[in-house]
C-alpha atoms as a PDB file:
ATOM      1  CA  MET A   1     210.683  50.810  31.144  1.00  0.00           C
ATOM      2  CA  ALA A   2     209.205  47.373  30.965  1.00  0.00           C
ATOM      3  CA  GLN A   3     208.237  46.259  27.414  1.00  0.00           C
ATOM      4  CA  ALA A   4     204.630  46.078  26.567  1.00  0.00           C
ATOM      5  CA  THR A   5     203.046  42.779  26.180  1.00  0.00           C
ATOM      6  CA  GLY A   6     204.400  41.135  22.794  1.00  0.00           C
ATOM      7  CA  GLU A   7     205.741  44.662  21.582  1.00  0.00           C
ATOM      8  CA  LEU A   8     208.997  43.881  19.298  1.00  0.00           C
ATOM      9  CA  ARG A   9     211.447  46.094  17.487  1.00  0.00           C
ATOM     10  CA  PRO A  10     211.309  45.460  13.653  1.00  0.00           C
ATOM     11  CA  GLY A  11     214.558  43.519  12.109  1.00  0.00           C
ATOM     12  CA  GLY A  12     217.183  41.966  13.494  1.00  0.00           C
ATOM     13  CA  ARG A  13     217.407  39.321  15.964  1.00  0.00           C
ATOM     14  CA  THR A  14     214.198  40.470  17.843  1.00  0.00           C
ATOM     15  CA  ALA A  15     211.986  39.529  14.450  1.00  0.00           C
ATOM     16  CA  LYS A  16     213.899  36.579  14.166  1.00  0.00           C
ATOM     17  CA  THR A  17     212.823  35.676  17.475  1.00  0.00           C
ATOM     18  CA  ARG A  18     209.320  36.576  16.651  1.00  0.00           C
ATOM     19  CA  GLU A  19     208.994  34.602  13.552  1.00  0.00           C
ATOM     20  CA  SER A  20     210.294  31.723  15.325  1.00  0.00           C
ATOM     21  CA  VAL A  21     207.917  31.720  18.456  1.00  0.00           C
ATOM     22  CA  HIS A  22     205.191  32.243  15.919  1.00  0.00           C
ATOM     23  CA  ALA A  23     206.249  29.057  13.980  1.00  0.00           C
ATOM     24  CA  ALA A  24     206.310  26.795  17.205  1.00  0.00           C
ATOM     25  CA  VAL A  25     202.650  28.378  18.383  1.00  0.00           C
ATOM     26  CA  ARG A  26     201.169  28.051  14.880  1.00  0.00           C
ATOM     27  CA  ALA A  27     202.568  23.978  14.883  1.00  0.00           C
ATOM     28  CA  LEU A  28     201.362  23.208  18.255  1.00  0.00           C
ATOM     29  CA  VAL A  29     197.911  24.911  17.734  1.00  0.00           C
ATOM     30  CA  GLU A  30     197.928  22.440  14.763  1.00  0.00           C
ATOM     31  CA  ASP A  31     198.911  19.634  16.717  1.00  0.00           C
ATOM     32  CA  GLY A  32     196.788  20.018  19.885  1.00  0.00           C
ATOM     33  CA  GLY A  33     194.945  22.731  19.780  1.00  0.00           C
ATOM     34  CA  PRO A  34     195.314  26.349  21.868  1.00  0.00           C
ATOM     35  CA  SER A  35     195.462  24.351  24.622  1.00  0.00           C
ATOM     36  CA  ALA A  36     198.696  22.754  23.564  1.00  0.00           C
ATOM     37  CA  VAL A  37     200.390  26.336  23.735  1.00  0.00           C
ATOM     38  CA  THR A  38     202.503  26.293  26.839  1.00  0.00           C
ATOM     39  CA  MET A  39     205.693  28.526  27.617  1.00  0.00           C
ATOM     40  CA  ALA A  40     207.810  25.521  28.067  1.00  0.00           C
ATOM     41  CA  ALA A  41     206.407  23.780  24.401  1.00  0.00           C
ATOM     42  CA  VAL A  42     206.892  27.115  22.730  1.00  0.00           C
ATOM     43  CA  ALA A  43     210.396  27.686  24.113  1.00  0.00           C
ATOM     44  CA  ALA A  44     211.630  24.332  23.253  1.00  0.00           C
ATOM     45  CA  ARG A  45     210.229  24.501  19.707  1.00  0.00           C
ATOM     46  CA  ALA A  46     211.478  28.001  19.140  1.00  0.00           C
ATOM     47  CA  GLY A  47     214.812  27.497  20.697  1.00  0.00           C
ATOM     48  CA  VAL A  48     214.197  30.254  23.117  1.00  0.00           C
ATOM     49  CA  HIS A  49     214.572  30.942  26.912  1.00  0.00           C
ATOM     50  CA  GLN A  50     210.816  30.827  28.720  1.00  0.00           C
ATOM     51  CA  ALA A  51     212.068  34.148  30.399  1.00  0.00           C
ATOM     52  CA  THR A  52     212.077  35.706  26.699  1.00  0.00           C
ATOM     53  CA  LEU A  53     208.033  34.751  26.453  1.00  0.00           C
ATOM     54  CA  TYR A  54     207.064  35.415  29.797  1.00  0.00           C
ATOM     55  CA  ARG A  55     208.947  39.004  29.248  1.00  0.00           C
ATOM     56  CA  ARG A  56     207.097  39.804  25.883  1.00  0.00           C
ATOM     57  CA  TRP A  57     203.857  38.102  26.054  1.00  0.00           C
ATOM     58  CA  ARG A  58     203.348  37.262  29.515  1.00  0.00           C
ATOM     59  CA  THR A  59     200.414  34.517  28.981  1.00  0.00           C
ATOM     60  CA  PRO A  60     200.101  31.544  26.394  1.00  0.00           C
ATOM     61  CA  GLU A  61     196.688  33.171  25.585  1.00  0.00           C
ATOM     62  CA  ALA A  62     198.686  36.521  24.414  1.00  0.00           C
ATOM     63  CA  LEU A  63     201.303  34.086  22.405  1.00  0.00           C
ATOM     64  CA  VAL A  64     198.016  32.632  20.684  1.00  0.00           C
ATOM     65  CA  LEU A  65     196.476  36.195  20.193  1.00  0.00           C
ATOM     66  CA  ASP A  66     199.443  37.687  18.810  1.00  0.00           C
ATOM     67  CA  VAL A  67     199.949  34.921  16.083  1.00  0.00           C
ATOM     68  CA  ALA A  68     196.242  35.098  15.324  1.00  0.00           C
ATOM     69  CA  ALA A  69     196.559  38.761  14.973  1.00  0.00           C
ATOM     70  CA  GLY A  70     199.033  38.694  12.878  1.00  0.00           C
ATOM     71  CA  ASP A  71     197.597  35.813  10.227  1.00  0.00           C
ATOM     72  CA  VAL A  72     194.217  37.802  10.228  1.00  0.00           C
ATOM     73  CA  ALA A  73     196.210  41.209   9.467  1.00  0.00           C
ATOM     74  CA  SER A  74     198.279  39.767   6.829  1.00  0.00           C
ATOM     75  CA  ALA A  75     195.588  37.462   4.862  1.00  0.00           C
ATOM     76  CA  PHE A  76     192.589  39.757   5.384  1.00  0.00           C
ATOM     77  CA  PRO A  77     193.694  43.386   4.866  1.00  0.00           C
ATOM     78  CA  VAL A  78     191.024  46.391   5.344  1.00  0.00           C
ATOM     79  CA  PRO A  79     190.607  48.003   2.101  1.00  0.00           C
ATOM     80  CA  ALA A  80     191.002  51.685   1.971  1.00  0.00           C
ATOM     81  CA  SER A  81     190.261  52.981  -1.492  1.00  0.00           C
ATOM     82  CA  GLY A  82     188.454  56.512  -0.469  1.00  0.00           C
ATOM     83  CA  ASP A  83     184.721  54.674  -1.029  1.00  0.00           C
ATOM     84  CA  LEU A  84     183.648  53.764   2.711  1.00  0.00           C
ATOM     85  CA  SER A  85     180.614  52.411   1.468  1.00  0.00           C
ATOM     86  CA  ALA A  86     182.483  50.016  -1.156  1.00  0.00           C
ATOM     87  CA  ASP A  87     184.967  49.589   1.122  1.00  0.00           C
ATOM     88  CA  LEU A  88     182.958  48.115   4.071  1.00  0.00           C
ATOM     89  CA  THR A  89     180.902  46.209   1.364  1.00  0.00           C
ATOM     90  CA  ALA A  90     183.790  44.364  -0.053  1.00  0.00           C
ATOM     91  CA  TYR A  91     184.795  44.137   3.420  1.00  0.00           C
ATOM     92  CA  LEU A  92     181.582  42.490   4.880  1.00  0.00           C
ATOM     93  CA  GLU A  93     181.493  40.121   2.022  1.00  0.00           C
ATOM     94  CA  HIS A  94     185.040  38.501   2.434  1.00  0.00           C
ATOM     95  CA  LEU A  95     184.243  38.336   6.576  1.00  0.00           C
ATOM     96  CA  ILE A  96     181.379  36.777   6.203  1.00  0.00           C
ATOM     97  CA  ASP A  97     182.655  34.132   3.477  1.00  0.00           C
ATOM     98  CA  ASP A  98     185.440  33.288   5.670  1.00  0.00           C
ATOM     99  CA  LEU A  99     183.587  33.235   8.374  1.00  0.00           C
ATOM    100  CA  ALA A 100     181.802  30.133   7.192  1.00  0.00           C
ATOM    101  CA  ARG A 101     185.137  28.363   6.933  1.00  0.00           C
ATOM    102  CA  PRO A 102     186.315  26.171   9.946  1.00  0.00           C
ATOM    103  CA  GLY A 103     188.189  27.484  12.330  1.00  0.00           C
ATOM    104  CA  SER A 104     187.222  31.172  11.657  1.00  0.00           C
ATOM    105  CA  LEU A 105     186.609  32.246  14.958  1.00  0.00           C
ATOM    106  CA  GLY A 106     190.135  31.642  16.130  1.00  0.00           C
ATOM    107  CA  PHE A 107     190.882  35.138  16.050  1.00  0.00           C
ATOM    108  CA  LEU A 108     188.049  36.052  18.109  1.00  0.00           C
ATOM    109  CA  ARG A 109     188.221  32.888  20.984  1.00  0.00           C
ATOM    110  CA  ALA A 110     191.674  34.129  20.852  1.00  0.00           C
ATOM    111  CA  MET A 111     191.012  37.770  21.987  1.00  0.00           C
ATOM    112  CA  ILE A 112     188.574  36.418  24.523  1.00  0.00           C
ATOM    113  CA  ALA A 113     191.018  34.089  26.041  1.00  0.00           C
ATOM    114  CA  ALA A 114     193.669  36.703  26.456  1.00  0.00           C
ATOM    115  CA  ALA A 115     191.056  39.111  27.960  1.00  0.00           C
ATOM    116  CA  GLU A 116     190.397  36.470  30.910  1.00  0.00           C
ATOM    117  CA  ALA A 117     193.690  35.323  31.505  1.00  0.00           C
ATOM    118  CA  ASP A 118     195.529  38.781  31.248  1.00  0.00           C
ATOM    119  CA  GLY A 119     192.998  41.313  31.329  1.00  0.00           C
ATOM    120  CA  ILE A 120     191.438  43.546  28.625  1.00  0.00           C
ATOM    121  CA  GLY A 121     194.439  45.123  28.145  1.00  0.00           C
ATOM    122  CA  ALA A 122     195.870  42.313  27.102  1.00  0.00           C
ATOM    123  CA  ALA A 123     193.282  42.174  24.055  1.00  0.00           C
ATOM    124  CA  GLN A 124     193.301  45.593  23.025  1.00  0.00           C
ATOM    125  CA  GLN A 125     197.288  45.396  22.839  1.00  0.00           C
ATOM    126  CA  PHE A 126     196.567  42.811  19.787  1.00  0.00           C
ATOM    127  CA  SER A 127     193.560  44.117  18.472  1.00  0.00           C
ATOM    128  CA  ARG A 128     195.115  47.802  18.331  1.00  0.00           C
ATOM    129  CA  PRO A 129     196.578  47.228  14.784  1.00  0.00           C
ATOM    130  CA  ARG A 130     193.576  46.088  13.346  1.00  0.00           C
ATOM    131  CA  LEU A 131     191.560  49.314  14.548  1.00  0.00           C
ATOM    132  CA  GLU A 132     194.331  51.132  12.893  1.00  0.00           C
ATOM    133  CA  GLN A 133     193.584  49.851   9.750  1.00  0.00           C
ATOM    134  CA  PHE A 134     189.851  50.452  10.299  1.00  0.00           C
ATOM    135  CA  GLN A 135     190.638  53.973  10.988  1.00  0.00           C
ATOM    136  CA  ALA A 136     192.778  54.220   7.810  1.00  0.00           C
ATOM    137  CA  MET A 137     189.888  53.190   5.898  1.00  0.00           C
ATOM    138  CA  LEU A 138     187.566  55.973   7.358  1.00  0.00           C
ATOM    139  CA  ASP A 139     190.573  58.631   6.996  1.00  0.00           C
ATOM    140  CA  ALA A 140     190.699  57.631   3.250  1.00  0.00           C
ATOM    141  CA  ASP A 141     187.274  58.602   2.932  1.00  0.00           C
ATOM    142  CA  GLY A 142     187.381  61.739   5.091  1.00  0.00           C
ATOM    143  CA  ALA A 143     184.811  60.029   7.280  1.00  0.00           C
ATOM    144  CA  SER A 144     185.801  62.417  10.446  1.00  0.00           C
ATOM    145  CA  GLU A 145     182.646  61.620  11.763  1.00  0.00           C
ATOM    146  CA  LEU A 146     183.558  58.138  12.698  1.00  0.00           C
ATOM    147  CA  THR A 147     186.079  56.090  14.538  1.00  0.00           C
ATOM    148  CA  SER A 148     187.306  52.854  14.434  1.00  0.00           C
ATOM    149  CA  VAL A 149     185.444  51.805  17.511  1.00  0.00           C
ATOM    150  CA  ASP A 150     182.565  52.823  15.630  1.00  0.00           C
ATOM    151  CA  LEU A 151     183.098  50.225  13.023  1.00  0.00           C
ATOM    152  CA  PHE A 152     183.960  47.746  15.521  1.00  0.00           C
ATOM    153  CA  GLU A 153     180.423  48.332  17.590  1.00  0.00           C
ATOM    154  CA  ILE A 154     178.341  49.000  14.289  1.00  0.00           C
ATOM    155  CA  VAL A 155     180.198  46.319  11.853  1.00  0.00           C
ATOM    156  CA  LEU A 156     182.145  43.605  13.586  1.00  0.00           C
ATOM    157  CA  ALA A 157     180.182  43.139  16.781  1.00  0.00           C
ATOM    158  CA  PRO A 158     176.871  42.041  15.220  1.00  0.00           C
ATOM    159  CA  VAL A 159     178.486  39.995  12.862  1.00  0.00           C
ATOM    160  CA  PHE A 160     180.961  37.900  14.959  1.00  0.00           C
ATOM    161  CA  MET A 161     177.995  37.823  17.609  1.00  0.00           C
ATOM    162  CA  TRP A 162     175.658  35.953  14.544  1.00  0.00           C
ATOM    163  CA  ALA A 163     178.809  34.003  13.669  1.00  0.00           C
ATOM    164  CA  LEU A 164     179.109  32.567  17.339  1.00  0.00           C
ATOM    165  CA  LEU A 165     175.292  32.181  17.934  1.00  0.00           C
ATOM    166  CA  SER A 166     174.309  30.602  14.595  1.00  0.00           C
ATOM    167  CA  GLY A 167     174.631  27.605  12.795  1.00  0.00           C
ATOM    168  CA  ILE A 168     177.278  28.530  10.068  1.00  0.00           C
ATOM    169  CA  ASP A 169     176.668  26.679   6.913  1.00  0.00           C
ATOM    170  CA  VAL A 170     179.222  27.422   3.817  1.00  0.00           C
ATOM    171  CA  ASP A 171     176.485  26.778   1.274  1.00  0.00           C
ATOM    172  CA  THR A 172     174.020  29.162   2.929  1.00  0.00           C
ATOM    173  CA  THR A 173     176.166  31.760   4.407  1.00  0.00           C
ATOM    174  CA  ARG A 174     175.362  34.293   1.844  1.00  0.00           C
ATOM    175  CA  SER A 175     171.489  33.814   2.070  1.00  0.00           C
ATOM    176  CA  ASN A 176     171.238  33.369   5.716  1.00  0.00           C
ATOM    177  CA  GLY A 177     174.045  35.557   7.034  1.00  0.00           C
ATOM    178  CA  PRO A 178     174.133  39.256   8.200  1.00  0.00           C
ATOM    179  CA  ASP A 179     172.521  41.997   5.807  1.00  0.00           C
ATOM    180  CA  VAL A 180     175.514  43.643   4.293  1.00  0.00           C
ATOM    181  CA  ALA A 181     173.606  46.705   2.901  1.00  0.00           C
ATOM    182  CA  ARG A 182     171.916  47.208   6.168  1.00  0.00           C
ATOM    183  CA  ILE A 183     175.042  47.380   8.079  1.00  0.00           C
ATOM    184  CA  VAL A 184     176.261  49.750   5.440  1.00  0.00           C
ATOM    185  CA  ASP A 185     173.620  51.945   5.660  1.00  0.00           C
ATOM    186  CA  THR A 186     173.853  52.143   9.022  1.00  0.00           C
ATOM    187  CA  VAL A 187     177.158  53.197   9.121  1.00  0.00           C
ATOM    188  CA  LEU A 188     176.274  55.799   6.725  1.00  0.00           C
ATOM    189  CA  ALA A 189     173.332  56.796   8.635  1.00  0.00           C
ATOM    190  CA  VAL A 190     175.611  57.560  11.746  1.00  0.00           C
ATOM    191  CA  ARG A 191     177.896  59.590   9.792  1.00  0.00           C
ATOM    192  CA  THR A 192     174.994  61.496   8.158  1.00  0.00           C
ATOM    193  CA  HIS A 193     173.485  62.381  11.675  1.00  0.00           C
ATOM    194  CA  ARG A 194     176.843  63.284  13.062  1.00  0.00           C
ATOM    195  CA  GLN A 195     176.964  65.681  10.085  1.00  0.00           C
ATOM    196  CA  ARG A 196     173.739  67.363  10.810  1.00  0.00           C
ATOM    197  CA  GLN A 197     174.673  67.487  14.550  1.00  0.00           C
ATOM    198  CA  ARG A 198     177.671  69.525  13.359  1.00  0.00           C
ATOM    199  CA  GLY A 199     175.885  71.531  11.070  1.00  0.00           C
ATOM    200  CA  SER A 200     173.294  72.819  13.608  1.00  0.00           C
ATOM    201  CA  ARG A 201     175.954  74.179  16.025  1.00  0.00           C
END
């Protein structure tokens, strides 16, 4: 059975290959932006065969997205303390501050590019670990009425749309950015509504 796009077994030669490929992608992006990432250029820098890249990632866009997703997950973990309100507040405040920094929309743009080049399945493949982190946040609180997709729709979608459509200024982001308390209240209100729906059945 063919290996899923970007899916690598942990440890050993496979892990070293992935590290080398990711390092090559980062260097190419730094030198010339995402458009500089081609299978030939990555293969040359990483010292791997192009066939390996095509088998595991299929497209340059999927490569860039895999690197971006890994970097976001390691540098920006999703809290899961068991207090959903506090976790969402902390996450949103961190996210909004981060979006005010140059290049902060790279992950979102990489998702869009991968979806356009290789179909929505490619974007879902690499966004799945992030959704799993959101699910862990919900599980820690026992919020069984909500799903990670709910958080994507209620929390992430409006914040990223704000970032894409507004002129972000690092000095005024907190005062002019999305209302964190309102977004958190909306999530909790949806949870309460569903709890009541369950109780009335």
